[in-house]
Amino acid sequence: MARSWSLLLLPFALALVASVAQAAVVEYTFNVGNLSISQLCQQEMIITAVNGQLPGPTIVATEGDTVVVHMVNESPYNMTIHWHGIFQRGTPWADGPAMVTQCPVRPGGNYTYRFNVTGQEGTLWWHSHFSFLRATVYGALIIKPRGGAKAYPFPVPDEEVVVILGEWWKRNVYDLQQEALHTGIPAAHADAYTINGKPGGFYDNCSAPNQTHKFELKQNKTYMLRIINAALNTPLFFKVANHSFNVVAADACYTKPYKTDVVVISPGQTVDALLVPDAGVAAAVGGRYYMAVIPYNSAVNAINASVLYSLTNGTAIVEYAGGPATSPPMLPEMPEYNDTATAHRFLSNMTALVPNRVPLAVDTHMFVTVSMGDTFCGPEQTMECNKNRTIFASSMNNASFILPNTTSMLEAMYKGSIDGVYTRDFPDTPPIVFDYTADASEQNATLKHTFKSTKVKTLKYNSTVQMVLQNTRLVSKESHPMHLHGFNFFVLAQGLGNYNETTDPAKFNLVDPQERNTVAVPTGGWAVIRFIADNPGVWFMHCHFDAHLEFGLGMVFEVQNGPTPETSLPPPPSDLPQC
């Protein structure tokens, strides 16, 4: 009997060995340095970029591979790289957020990031996680299925196209961040939106050909767009004239096919979509069409929308072979800037391709407000501020997060010496229960005031966490893209208004909820997420608007070690940067 069982298991063992044997080490060198570039027909300016490219190089790996990136910091600024959406199981030292999992790499220094991409496939991305430098330090991270394109659970595309959406400032973004820090006033909005690093021809009467990215396609071919929102602060509506989309994945998780003529994508999120030409496009020879993005202005407040966002179009051109290259492209009809109904419909209607194993028993329940407000001036506010004046702040459960400045949080956890670095008292509920989304709450100065701290929520290994993320009206209702490092989570439900703990659980999708690493909490609404804390380390959770993160909209989960060496924190690598 034992022999017969071994014979039955032999094919599976051989398949496992073959799979391991196919895994490769994919190696890159990132030289981070100065790049001279002209945008918007302005004089050339110096930006920080990787390998002299904007966007930076695309990393391509296959599920199960090990990715090794040698980062050499030739820029004048401190630098880290975050691998957005990578779980970093067994490699928490490679996650990248400055002062959370590592001290930054100083100018002239270097650090090798090493991690595996087991159990993940799809579109992710990488970016700087220091200051506002991710405005120009970013790129795609593509994980192909181990079985190749034929393993896709949707019609195999003829080609795959990376589309990275971004923002552009006419000023040095590091200086912008420092100015915001020293004044306590959020930085001004971007001057333009970009597609693959270029703004298009609708800005400042600048229609030079080198300002617009061109996608050259062929008739009767199927194209999959790997769409990434790398913008610093802006959710975007994305359209292509005379085309629609069949969404097949989001945040590197497969979805049931979702047909739409518009993609709504918040900073940090990714969407994979098959590009579907209208009947007229498919039948024609040639043809030129604009791909366009505009901001989704989700804010509900007393501030003019043009103060928060650049109400403009970023464009690229989709050009089919065989037509005249000089024919004017067609523009898509875009939604209104404040079209929350369209945004909510897109972001809440996707479901997982196959039923998920959603944990039903919850160990830790959290109700967390996501708010803006004010706090007292600190020693960093050296401009236009004094001890009697408050400054802008943002918070989760009224705790406005600040990074430590002498030791990274992961190193403090590993050494068991957290004093002076962080405290383990992040609250499970807000200090005051109020009508979170009512306009009247905006007038309550006590509710808006918050305090700076570095608080974490400590979780037992393998515990299940459910978090209700509740947006508030304090200062402004706004859709906040909340990103969790080190995990995916199930988005059980989303809604507008205040979450009702009695009636809203009936809306939970416990069968096939979408799985994400970044959820856009609806403006003046809520989202419920659930995840298993099976990855020891310290994991940042924060708003992916850098203008909000800068002022405290974040917190950290500290996941304790499991029962085995494999489920415990590994020692740091020998080249880990020092503060």
Protein backbone atom coordinates (compact mmCIF):
# COMPACT_ATOMS: atom_id res chain seq x y z
CA MET A 1 0.00 0.00 0.00
CA ALA A 2 2.83 2.41 0.91
CA ARG A 3 4.52 1.68 -2.43
CA SER A 4 1.31 2.28 -4.40
CA TRP A 5 0.80 5.64 -2.64
CA SER A 6 4.38 6.66 -3.46
CA LEU A 7 3.79 5.81 -7.12
CA LEU A 8 0.62 7.88 -7.15
CA LEU A 9 2.41 10.87 -5.61
CA LEU A 10 5.44 10.63 -7.89
CA PRO A 11 3.95 12.78 -10.74
CA PHE A 12 3.05 15.53 -8.27
CA ALA A 13 6.53 15.46 -6.76
CA LEU A 14 8.12 15.66 -10.20
CA ALA A 15 5.86 18.56 -11.14
CA LEU A 16 6.87 20.39 -7.96
CA VAL A 17 10.56 19.83 -8.67
CA ALA A 18 10.09 21.03 -12.24
CA SER A 19 8.31 24.16 -11.04
CA VAL A 20 11.09 24.98 -8.59
CA ALA A 21 13.70 24.27 -11.24
CA GLN A 22 12.06 26.76 -13.60
CA ALA A 23 12.17 29.60 -11.06
CA ALA A 24 14.83 32.13 -11.94
CA VAL A 25 16.74 35.00 -10.36
CA VAL A 26 15.79 38.22 -12.17
CA GLU A 27 18.41 40.89 -11.58
CA TYR A 28 18.37 44.65 -12.20
CA THR A 29 20.52 47.64 -11.32
CA PHE A 30 18.76 50.90 -10.48
CA ASN A 31 20.99 53.95 -10.73
CA VAL A 32 19.00 56.74 -9.09
CA GLY A 33 20.28 60.12 -10.21
CA ASN A 34 19.65 63.40 -11.97
CA LEU A 35 17.82 63.58 -15.29
CA SER A 36 17.51 66.76 -17.36
CA ILE A 37 14.10 66.91 -19.03
CA SER A 38 11.82 69.43 -20.73
CA GLN A 39 8.05 69.18 -20.28
CA LEU A 40 5.24 71.51 -21.28
CA CYS A 41 7.63 73.37 -23.65
CA GLN A 42 9.45 74.75 -20.61
CA GLN A 43 13.18 75.02 -20.15
CA GLU A 44 14.87 71.81 -19.09
CA MET A 45 14.80 71.06 -15.38
CA ILE A 46 16.55 68.47 -13.25
CA ILE A 47 14.46 65.65 -11.79
CA THR A 48 15.33 62.48 -9.91
CA ALA A 49 14.89 59.34 -12.00
CA VAL A 50 16.08 55.73 -12.33
CA ASN A 51 18.51 54.88 -15.13
CA GLY A 52 17.77 58.19 -16.84
CA GLN A 53 14.17 57.20 -17.62
CA LEU A 54 10.70 58.57 -16.92
CA PRO A 55 8.95 56.29 -16.12
CA GLY A 56 11.71 54.07 -14.80
CA PRO A 57 12.52 50.58 -16.11
CA THR A 58 9.86 47.88 -16.13
CA ILE A 59 10.70 44.82 -14.04
CA VAL A 60 9.42 41.60 -15.61
CA ALA A 61 9.44 38.36 -13.62
CA THR A 62 7.59 35.05 -13.61
CA GLU A 63 5.62 33.76 -10.63
CA GLY A 64 8.01 32.02 -8.25
CA ASP A 65 11.09 33.98 -9.36
CA THR A 66 13.45 35.83 -7.07
CA VAL A 67 13.88 39.51 -7.92
CA VAL A 68 17.18 41.21 -7.06
CA VAL A 69 17.54 44.97 -7.52
CA HIS A 70 20.83 46.72 -6.79
CA MET A 71 19.87 50.29 -5.97
CA VAL A 72 22.71 52.82 -6.27
CA ASN A 73 21.82 56.27 -4.98
CA GLU A 74 23.58 58.84 -7.14
CA SER A 75 20.93 61.49 -6.39
CA PRO A 76 21.37 64.37 -3.90
CA TYR A 77 18.52 63.00 -1.74
CA ASN A 78 17.94 60.10 0.61
CA MET A 79 16.20 57.26 -1.20
CA THR A 80 14.25 54.04 -0.70
CA ILE A 81 12.25 51.89 -3.12
CA HIS A 82 8.93 50.23 -2.24
CA TRP A 83 7.71 47.24 -4.26
CA HIS A 84 4.03 48.09 -4.19
CA GLY A 85 1.86 45.01 -3.68
CA ILE A 86 4.68 42.49 -3.15
CA PHE A 87 3.98 40.45 -0.01
CA GLN A 88 7.64 40.29 1.09
CA ARG A 89 7.10 36.99 2.89
CA GLY A 90 10.38 36.24 4.60
CA THR A 91 11.90 39.46 3.24
CA PRO A 92 10.36 42.30 5.28
CA TRP A 93 13.66 44.22 5.15
CA ALA A 94 13.06 44.73 1.41
CA ASP A 95 9.64 46.42 1.69
CA GLY A 96 11.12 49.91 1.43
CA PRO A 97 9.16 52.61 3.33
CA ALA A 98 11.68 54.94 4.93
CA MET A 99 11.95 54.59 8.73
CA VAL A 100 9.33 51.85 8.79
CA THR A 101 11.32 48.89 7.44
CA GLN A 102 14.65 50.57 6.75
CA CYS A 103 16.66 53.72 7.14
CA PRO A 104 16.95 55.51 3.80
CA VAL A 105 19.95 55.04 1.51
CA ARG A 106 22.00 58.20 1.72
CA PRO A 107 23.45 59.96 -1.33
CA GLY A 108 26.37 57.90 -2.56
CA GLY A 109 25.10 54.75 -0.82
CA ASN A 110 23.58 51.55 -2.13
CA TYR A 111 21.33 48.71 -1.03
CA THR A 112 20.29 45.44 -2.65
CA TYR A 113 16.60 44.59 -2.49
CA ARG A 114 15.94 40.85 -2.74
CA PHE A 115 12.47 39.27 -2.66
CA ASN A 116 10.46 36.50 -4.28
CA VAL A 117 7.18 36.71 -6.16
CA THR A 118 5.73 33.34 -5.21
CA GLY A 119 1.94 33.12 -5.33
CA GLN A 120 1.51 36.43 -7.15
CA GLU A 121 0.91 37.30 -10.79
CA GLY A 122 -0.32 40.39 -12.56
CA THR A 123 0.44 44.11 -12.64
CA LEU A 124 2.18 45.74 -9.68
CA TRP A 125 4.66 48.59 -9.56
CA TRP A 126 7.59 50.12 -7.68
CA HIS A 127 8.22 53.65 -6.44
CA SER A 128 10.29 55.77 -4.11
CA HIS A 129 9.02 55.87 -0.54
CA PHE A 130 10.82 59.00 0.61
CA SER A 131 9.57 62.60 0.48
CA PHE A 132 7.62 63.35 -2.74
CA LEU A 133 10.27 61.70 -4.90
CA ARG A 134 7.92 59.02 -6.18
CA ALA A 135 6.50 61.75 -8.47
CA THR A 136 9.35 60.82 -10.85
CA VAL A 137 10.87 57.66 -9.33
CA TYR A 138 8.45 54.90 -10.36
CA GLY A 139 7.94 52.06 -12.81
CA ALA A 140 5.99 48.89 -13.56
CA LEU A 141 6.54 45.47 -11.98
CA ILE A 142 4.98 42.72 -14.11
CA ILE A 143 4.65 39.14 -12.84
CA LYS A 144 3.82 36.63 -15.57
CA PRO A 145 2.07 33.30 -14.86
CA ARG A 146 4.37 30.31 -14.46
CA GLY A 147 2.52 28.64 -17.35
CA GLY A 148 2.99 31.59 -19.70
CA ALA A 149 0.28 33.63 -21.42
CA LYS A 150 -1.78 30.50 -22.13
CA ALA A 151 -2.34 30.28 -18.38
CA TYR A 152 -4.33 33.53 -18.34
CA PRO A 153 -7.95 32.89 -17.28
CA PHE A 154 -9.19 35.08 -20.14
CA PRO A 155 -8.64 35.24 -23.93
CA VAL A 156 -4.90 35.47 -24.56
CA PRO A 157 -4.01 38.95 -25.82
CA ASP A 158 -1.76 39.38 -28.83
CA GLU A 159 0.21 42.06 -27.03
CA GLU A 160 0.45 43.64 -23.58
CA VAL A 161 0.91 47.38 -23.12
CA VAL A 162 2.03 49.16 -19.94
CA VAL A 163 0.16 52.44 -19.29
CA ILE A 164 1.50 54.41 -16.32
CA LEU A 165 -0.46 57.48 -15.25
CA GLY A 166 1.37 60.20 -13.36
CA GLU A 167 1.57 63.85 -12.39
CA TRP A 168 4.04 66.58 -13.29
CA TRP A 169 5.11 69.70 -11.43
CA LYS A 170 7.07 72.59 -12.86
CA ARG A 171 8.91 72.79 -9.55
CA ASN A 172 11.32 70.52 -7.71
CA VAL A 173 9.08 68.05 -5.85
CA TYR A 174 11.49 67.63 -2.93
CA ASP A 175 11.37 71.40 -2.40
CA LEU A 176 7.57 71.24 -2.54
CA GLN A 177 7.52 68.61 0.21
CA GLN A 178 9.93 70.59 2.38
CA GLU A 179 7.87 73.73 1.94
CA ALA A 180 4.73 71.85 2.98
CA LEU A 181 6.56 70.48 6.02
CA HIS A 182 7.90 73.83 7.16
CA THR A 183 4.68 75.79 6.61
CA GLY A 184 2.17 73.13 7.63
CA ILE A 185 0.24 73.84 4.41
CA PRO A 186 -0.36 71.10 1.81
CA ALA A 187 1.58 71.43 -1.43
CA ALA A 188 -0.05 72.86 -4.55
CA HIS A 189 -1.62 70.49 -7.07
CA ALA A 190 0.28 69.19 -10.09
CA ASP A 191 0.60 71.27 -13.24
CA ALA A 192 -0.21 68.37 -15.55
CA TYR A 193 -1.18 64.71 -15.76
CA THR A 194 1.00 62.34 -17.72
CA ILE A 195 0.66 59.06 -19.61
CA ASN A 196 3.91 57.11 -19.76
CA GLY A 197 5.74 60.22 -18.61
CA LYS A 198 4.33 62.64 -21.19
CA PRO A 199 1.52 65.19 -20.65
CA GLY A 200 0.06 65.38 -24.17
CA GLY A 201 -0.69 68.43 -26.28
CA PHE A 202 -3.41 70.22 -24.27
CA TYR A 203 -1.19 72.16 -21.86
CA ASP A 204 0.21 75.70 -22.17
CA ASN A 205 -0.32 75.72 -25.95
CA CYS A 206 2.43 73.13 -26.09
CA SER A 207 1.71 70.65 -28.87
CA ALA A 208 5.26 69.54 -29.64
CA PRO A 209 5.26 65.89 -30.81
CA ASN A 210 7.70 64.84 -28.08
CA GLN A 211 5.14 65.83 -25.43
CA THR A 212 2.70 63.05 -26.36
CA HIS A 213 3.15 59.30 -25.99
CA LYS A 214 1.96 57.25 -28.94
CA PHE A 215 0.63 53.67 -28.82
CA GLU A 216 0.97 52.05 -32.23
CA LEU A 217 -1.57 49.24 -32.63
CA LYS A 218 -2.69 46.90 -35.40
CA GLN A 219 -6.22 46.15 -36.53
CA ASN A 220 -7.77 42.84 -35.44
CA LYS A 221 -5.29 42.33 -32.65
CA THR A 222 -6.18 41.98 -28.96
CA TYR A 223 -4.34 44.28 -26.56
CA MET A 224 -4.22 44.09 -22.79
CA LEU A 225 -3.54 47.39 -21.04
CA ARG A 226 -1.66 47.16 -17.75
CA ILE A 227 -2.84 50.45 -16.20
CA ILE A 228 -1.04 51.88 -13.15
CA ASN A 229 -1.94 55.07 -11.29
CA ALA A 230 1.42 56.40 -10.13
CA ALA A 231 0.05 59.91 -9.51
CA LEU A 232 1.09 61.48 -6.25
CA ASN A 233 -2.31 62.78 -5.15
CA THR A 234 -5.01 62.31 -7.78
CA PRO A 235 -7.59 59.60 -8.58
CA LEU A 236 -8.23 59.54 -12.32
CA PHE A 237 -10.90 58.78 -14.89
CA PHE A 238 -9.31 56.95 -17.85
CA LYS A 239 -10.86 56.55 -21.31
CA VAL A 240 -9.96 55.84 -24.94
CA ALA A 241 -12.15 57.39 -27.63
CA ASN A 242 -14.35 54.87 -29.49
CA HIS A 243 -13.13 52.00 -27.30
CA SER A 244 -14.32 50.19 -24.19
CA PHE A 245 -12.62 47.86 -21.74
CA ASN A 246 -13.05 44.38 -20.38
CA VAL A 247 -11.43 44.50 -16.94
CA VAL A 248 -9.82 41.17 -16.00
CA ALA A 249 -7.68 42.03 -12.96
CA ALA A 250 -7.10 44.69 -10.31
CA ASP A 251 -4.10 45.00 -7.99
CA ALA A 252 -2.68 41.76 -9.48
CA CYS A 253 -5.79 39.75 -8.60
CA TYR A 254 -8.02 38.27 -11.28
CA THR A 255 -11.60 39.51 -11.49
CA LYS A 256 -14.70 38.34 -13.25
CA PRO A 257 -14.75 40.12 -16.63
CA TYR A 258 -16.15 43.60 -16.07
CA LYS A 259 -17.23 45.61 -19.12
CA THR A 260 -16.98 49.38 -18.93
CA ASP A 261 -16.20 52.40 -21.08
CA VAL A 262 -14.31 54.14 -18.26
CA VAL A 263 -11.68 52.99 -15.78
CA VAL A 264 -11.55 54.70 -12.39
CA ILE A 265 -8.20 54.27 -10.70
CA SER A 266 -6.81 55.79 -7.50
CA PRO A 267 -3.13 56.35 -6.69
CA GLY A 268 -1.50 53.02 -5.91
CA GLN A 269 -4.05 50.91 -7.77
CA THR A 270 -3.57 48.87 -10.94
CA VAL A 271 -6.10 47.58 -13.48
CA ASP A 272 -5.59 45.03 -16.27
CA ALA A 273 -8.09 45.52 -19.08
CA LEU A 274 -8.56 44.15 -22.58
CA LEU A 275 -9.00 47.04 -25.01
CA VAL A 276 -12.21 46.59 -27.03
CA PRO A 277 -12.59 48.74 -30.19
CA ASP A 278 -16.06 49.89 -31.20
CA ALA A 279 -17.50 48.30 -34.35
CA GLY A 280 -16.50 51.29 -36.49
CA VAL A 281 -12.91 51.15 -35.28
CA ALA A 282 -12.67 47.41 -35.91
CA ALA A 283 -13.97 47.80 -39.47
CA ALA A 284 -11.88 50.82 -40.42
CA VAL A 285 -8.35 50.91 -41.79
CA GLY A 286 -6.10 53.00 -39.61
CA GLY A 287 -7.54 55.56 -37.24
CA ARG A 288 -6.21 57.80 -34.45
CA TYR A 289 -7.85 58.16 -31.04
CA TYR A 290 -7.01 60.02 -27.86
CA MET A 291 -6.39 58.16 -24.65
CA ALA A 292 -7.22 60.64 -21.89
CA VAL A 293 -7.20 61.08 -18.12
CA ILE A 294 -8.88 63.72 -15.98
CA PRO A 295 -8.97 64.01 -12.17
CA TYR A 296 -11.80 62.52 -10.17
CA ASN A 297 -12.53 65.34 -7.75
CA SER A 298 -14.12 63.42 -4.89
CA ALA A 299 -13.77 66.23 -2.34
CA VAL A 300 -16.86 67.72 -0.73
CA ASN A 301 -15.84 70.91 1.09
CA ALA A 302 -15.84 74.67 0.86
CA ILE A 303 -12.66 74.75 -1.23
CA ASN A 304 -12.80 75.47 -4.96
CA ALA A 305 -12.05 72.32 -6.94
CA SER A 306 -9.36 74.06 -8.99
CA VAL A 307 -7.37 74.59 -5.78
CA LEU A 308 -7.25 70.84 -5.13
CA TYR A 309 -6.74 69.50 -8.66
CA SER A 310 -5.59 70.62 -12.06
CA LEU A 311 -8.88 70.43 -13.98
CA THR A 312 -7.16 69.44 -17.21
CA ASN A 313 -6.69 66.52 -19.62
CA GLY A 314 -3.57 64.40 -19.89
CA THR A 315 -3.51 62.63 -23.24
CA ALA A 316 -1.76 60.04 -25.38
CA ILE A 317 -2.55 58.86 -28.91
CA VAL A 318 -3.71 55.40 -29.93
CA GLU A 319 -2.82 55.00 -33.60
CA TYR A 320 -3.75 52.04 -35.79
CA ALA A 321 -1.47 51.07 -38.66
CA GLY A 322 -2.53 51.89 -42.20
CA GLY A 323 -4.10 55.30 -41.70
CA PRO A 324 -2.75 58.82 -42.26
CA ALA A 325 -0.50 59.83 -39.39
CA THR A 326 -1.67 63.43 -39.66
CA SER A 327 -5.42 62.93 -39.20
CA PRO A 328 -6.65 64.60 -36.00
CA PRO A 329 -7.38 62.09 -33.21
CA MET A 330 -10.84 61.81 -31.70
CA LEU A 331 -11.32 62.83 -28.07
CA PRO A 332 -13.34 60.64 -25.69
CA GLU A 333 -16.31 62.08 -23.85
CA MET A 334 -15.15 62.26 -20.25
CA PRO A 335 -17.23 62.13 -17.04
CA GLU A 336 -17.73 65.23 -14.93
CA TYR A 337 -14.81 65.83 -12.58
CA ASN A 338 -17.01 65.16 -9.53
CA ASP A 339 -18.88 62.12 -10.93
CA THR A 340 -18.92 60.10 -7.72
CA ALA A 341 -21.71 57.83 -8.99
CA THR A 342 -19.52 56.58 -11.86
CA ALA A 343 -16.49 56.21 -9.59
CA HIS A 344 -18.42 54.31 -6.93
CA ARG A 345 -20.04 52.02 -9.48
CA PHE A 346 -16.70 51.03 -10.99
CA LEU A 347 -14.79 50.66 -7.73
CA SER A 348 -17.48 48.69 -5.88
CA ASN A 349 -18.86 46.36 -8.57
CA MET A 350 -15.84 44.19 -9.34
CA THR A 351 -15.70 40.67 -7.89
CA ALA A 352 -13.07 37.94 -7.75
CA LEU A 353 -12.82 35.54 -10.68
CA VAL A 354 -13.24 32.49 -8.43
CA PRO A 355 -14.65 32.17 -4.91
CA ASN A 356 -12.21 33.36 -2.28
CA ARG A 357 -11.43 31.65 0.98
CA VAL A 358 -12.66 34.51 3.10
CA PRO A 359 -12.00 33.83 6.80
CA LEU A 360 -15.33 33.85 8.62
CA ALA A 361 -14.14 34.02 12.23
CA VAL A 362 -12.68 37.43 13.11
CA ASP A 363 -10.17 37.83 15.96
CA THR A 364 -9.68 41.60 15.84
CA HIS A 365 -12.41 44.11 14.98
CA MET A 366 -11.38 47.69 14.21
CA PHE A 367 -13.44 50.76 13.33
CA VAL A 368 -11.08 53.42 11.98
CA THR A 369 -11.93 56.96 10.96
CA VAL A 370 -9.98 58.43 8.06
CA SER A 371 -9.97 62.16 8.61
CA MET A 372 -8.37 65.51 8.05
CA GLY A 373 -8.10 68.22 10.67
CA ASP A 374 -5.49 70.27 12.48
CA THR A 375 -2.83 69.98 15.14
CA PHE A 376 -0.40 72.21 17.00
CA CYS A 377 2.66 73.54 15.24
CA GLY A 378 5.76 71.44 15.79
CA PRO A 379 9.48 72.24 15.68
CA GLU A 380 9.51 71.46 11.93
CA GLN A 381 7.10 74.30 11.15
CA THR A 382 9.68 77.07 10.91
CA MET A 383 7.78 79.20 8.39
CA GLU A 384 4.55 81.15 9.06
CA CYS A 385 3.88 79.28 12.28
CA ASN A 386 4.27 79.59 16.03
CA LYS A 387 3.18 77.68 19.11
CA ASN A 388 -0.17 79.46 19.25
CA ARG A 389 -1.21 78.42 15.75
CA THR A 390 -2.44 75.15 14.35
CA ILE A 391 -1.48 73.53 11.09
CA PHE A 392 -3.14 71.09 8.70
CA ALA A 393 -3.11 67.46 9.83
CA SER A 394 -4.65 64.14 8.88
CA SER A 395 -5.27 61.12 11.05
CA MET A 396 -6.66 57.63 11.61
CA ASN A 397 -8.78 57.35 14.76
CA ASN A 398 -7.49 60.81 15.65
CA ALA A 399 -3.87 59.60 15.76
CA SER A 400 -1.76 61.62 13.32
CA PHE A 401 1.21 59.45 12.37
CA ILE A 402 4.82 60.61 12.43
CA LEU A 403 7.85 58.55 11.45
CA PRO A 404 10.65 57.91 13.96
CA ASN A 405 13.92 59.63 13.13
CA THR A 406 16.70 57.55 14.68
CA THR A 407 15.82 53.87 14.17
CA SER A 408 13.54 52.09 11.72
CA MET A 409 10.49 50.48 13.27
CA LEU A 410 11.34 47.02 11.92
CA GLU A 411 14.81 47.16 13.43
CA ALA A 412 13.32 48.22 16.78
CA MET A 413 10.90 45.28 16.65
CA TYR A 414 13.65 42.82 15.69
CA LYS A 415 15.89 43.99 18.55
CA GLY A 416 13.00 44.11 21.03
CA SER A 417 13.81 47.73 21.81
CA ILE A 418 10.89 49.93 20.81
CA ASP A 419 11.21 52.64 23.48
CA GLY A 420 11.44 56.02 21.81
CA VAL A 421 10.60 54.50 18.41
CA TYR A 422 6.91 53.55 18.64
CA THR A 423 4.16 52.61 21.07
CA ARG A 424 1.71 49.70 20.93
CA ASP A 425 -1.49 51.62 21.61
CA PHE A 426 -3.16 52.40 18.29
CA PRO A 427 -6.88 52.51 19.18
CA ASP A 428 -9.41 50.07 17.74
CA THR A 429 -12.09 52.78 17.72
CA PRO A 430 -12.14 56.60 17.49
CA PRO A 431 -12.02 58.48 20.79
CA ILE A 432 -15.41 60.11 20.13
CA VAL A 433 -18.45 58.71 18.33
CA PHE A 434 -20.16 61.37 16.21
CA ASP A 435 -22.09 61.79 12.96
CA TYR A 436 -18.99 61.21 10.85
CA THR A 437 -20.23 62.43 7.48
CA ALA A 438 -22.57 65.25 8.56
CA ASP A 439 -21.71 68.75 7.35
CA ALA A 440 -22.23 70.05 10.89
CA SER A 441 -19.20 68.09 12.15
CA GLU A 442 -16.97 70.38 10.10
CA GLN A 443 -17.83 73.22 12.50
CA ASN A 444 -16.63 71.32 15.59
CA ALA A 445 -13.09 72.48 16.37
CA THR A 446 -12.65 69.81 19.06
CA LEU A 447 -13.39 66.98 16.62
CA LYS A 448 -10.95 68.35 14.05
CA HIS A 449 -8.02 68.61 16.44
CA THR A 450 -5.59 65.70 16.47
CA PHE A 451 -2.27 64.79 18.08
CA LYS A 452 0.99 63.49 16.64
CA SER A 453 2.19 59.99 17.60
CA THR A 454 3.84 56.82 16.31
CA LYS A 455 1.30 54.23 17.37
CA VAL A 456 1.05 50.67 16.08
CA LYS A 457 -1.57 47.97 16.35
CA THR A 458 -0.01 44.69 17.46
CA LEU A 459 -1.50 41.52 15.98
CA LYS A 460 -0.98 37.89 16.86
CA TYR A 461 0.43 35.78 14.07
CA ASN A 462 -2.28 34.22 11.88
CA SER A 463 -5.08 36.25 13.44
CA THR A 464 -7.92 37.54 11.28
CA VAL A 465 -8.48 41.29 11.21
CA GLN A 466 -11.58 43.15 10.08
CA MET A 467 -11.31 46.90 9.63
CA VAL A 468 -14.10 49.35 8.89
CA LEU A 469 -12.58 52.41 7.22
CA GLN A 470 -14.91 55.38 7.74
CA ASN A 471 -14.38 58.66 5.88
CA THR A 472 -15.43 61.82 7.76
CA ARG A 473 -16.55 65.34 6.85
CA LEU A 474 -13.89 66.95 9.04
CA VAL A 475 -12.35 69.60 6.75
CA SER A 476 -13.39 67.57 3.70
CA LYS A 477 -15.15 64.43 2.60
CA GLU A 478 -12.80 62.74 0.18
CA SER A 479 -12.09 59.34 -1.34
CA HIS A 480 -8.86 58.16 0.29
CA PRO A 481 -6.89 55.32 -1.36
CA MET A 482 -5.78 53.26 1.64
CA HIS A 483 -2.82 50.96 0.92
CA LEU A 484 -1.67 48.09 3.14
CA HIS A 485 1.91 46.87 2.82
CA GLY A 486 2.68 43.16 3.10
CA PHE A 487 -0.83 41.84 2.46
CA ASN A 488 -3.79 41.68 0.16
CA PHE A 489 -7.19 42.08 1.77
CA PHE A 490 -10.75 41.20 0.88
CA VAL A 491 -13.04 44.18 0.26
CA LEU A 492 -16.25 42.86 1.80
CA ALA A 493 -18.46 45.90 1.19
CA GLN A 494 -18.45 49.62 0.44
CA GLY A 495 -21.10 52.24 0.95
CA LEU A 496 -21.91 55.94 1.28
CA GLY A 497 -22.73 57.71 4.52
CA ASN A 498 -22.02 56.32 8.00
CA TYR A 499 -21.37 52.62 8.44
CA ASN A 500 -24.18 50.91 10.33
CA GLU A 501 -22.88 48.00 12.38
CA THR A 502 -26.39 46.53 12.65
CA THR A 503 -27.55 46.54 9.05
CA ASP A 504 -24.45 46.86 6.84
CA PRO A 505 -22.91 43.44 7.63
CA ALA A 506 -25.80 41.95 5.64
CA LYS A 507 -24.16 43.53 2.57
CA PHE A 508 -20.86 41.67 3.05
CA ASN A 509 -19.70 39.60 0.10
CA LEU A 510 -18.15 36.55 1.74
CA VAL A 511 -18.07 34.47 -1.45
CA ASP A 512 -16.17 36.31 -4.18
CA PRO A 513 -15.15 39.76 -2.88
CA GLN A 514 -12.53 41.65 -4.82
CA GLU A 515 -9.02 41.26 -3.42
CA ARG A 516 -6.79 44.32 -3.34
CA ASN A 517 -3.81 45.98 -1.70
CA THR A 518 -5.29 49.51 -2.09
CA VAL A 519 -8.95 50.38 -1.51
CA ALA A 520 -10.47 53.73 -2.44
CA VAL A 521 -12.69 54.49 0.56
CA PRO A 522 -15.77 56.19 -0.93
CA THR A 523 -16.07 59.92 -0.38
CA GLY A 524 -18.27 60.46 2.66
CA GLY A 525 -18.56 56.70 2.99
CA TRP A 526 -16.95 53.51 4.23
CA ALA A 527 -15.24 50.29 3.20
CA VAL A 528 -14.87 47.04 5.14
CA ILE A 529 -11.74 44.97 4.60
CA ARG A 530 -10.59 41.66 6.10
CA PHE A 531 -7.18 39.97 6.06
CA ILE A 532 -5.13 37.29 7.81
CA ALA A 533 -2.06 38.59 9.66
CA ASP A 534 0.24 35.74 8.62
CA ASN A 535 3.30 37.83 7.69
CA PRO A 536 5.49 38.82 10.66
CA GLY A 537 6.97 42.31 10.61
CA VAL A 538 5.86 45.94 10.68
CA TRP A 539 3.55 46.89 7.84
CA PHE A 540 2.58 50.41 6.90
CA MET A 541 -1.07 51.23 6.16
CA HIS A 542 -1.57 54.70 4.76
CA CYS A 543 -3.37 57.00 2.38
CA HIS A 544 -1.69 56.93 -1.04
CA PHE A 545 -2.15 60.67 -1.45
CA ASP A 546 1.32 61.79 -0.45
CA ALA A 547 -0.10 65.18 0.48
CA HIS A 548 -2.14 63.40 3.18
CA LEU A 549 0.53 60.91 4.24
CA GLU A 550 2.92 63.81 4.77
CA PHE A 551 0.53 65.17 7.41
CA GLY A 552 -0.16 61.93 9.24
CA LEU A 553 -2.74 59.79 7.42
CA GLY A 554 -1.25 56.42 8.26
CA MET A 555 -0.63 53.78 10.91
CA VAL A 556 1.41 50.58 11.26
CA PHE A 557 0.53 46.96 12.00
CA GLU A 558 3.07 45.02 14.04
CA VAL A 559 2.56 41.30 13.32
CA GLN A 560 4.16 39.05 15.91
CA ASN A 561 6.33 36.04 15.12
CA GLY A 562 4.76 32.68 14.42
CA PRO A 563 5.73 29.36 16.05
CA THR A 564 8.55 28.40 13.65
CA PRO A 565 11.73 30.00 12.25
CA GLU A 566 9.99 30.20 8.86
CA THR A 567 7.18 32.25 10.41
CA SER A 568 9.48 34.57 12.35
CA LEU A 569 11.40 37.71 11.50
CA PRO A 570 14.67 36.88 9.72
CA PRO A 571 17.83 38.79 10.63
CA PRO A 572 18.52 41.94 8.62
CA PRO A 573 20.76 41.74 5.54
CA SER A 574 24.38 42.76 5.98
CA ASP A 575 24.01 45.85 3.76
CA LEU A 576 20.92 47.24 5.48
CA PRO A 577 21.31 51.05 5.49
CA GLN A 578 22.02 52.68 8.83
CA CYS A 579 20.50 55.91 10.07
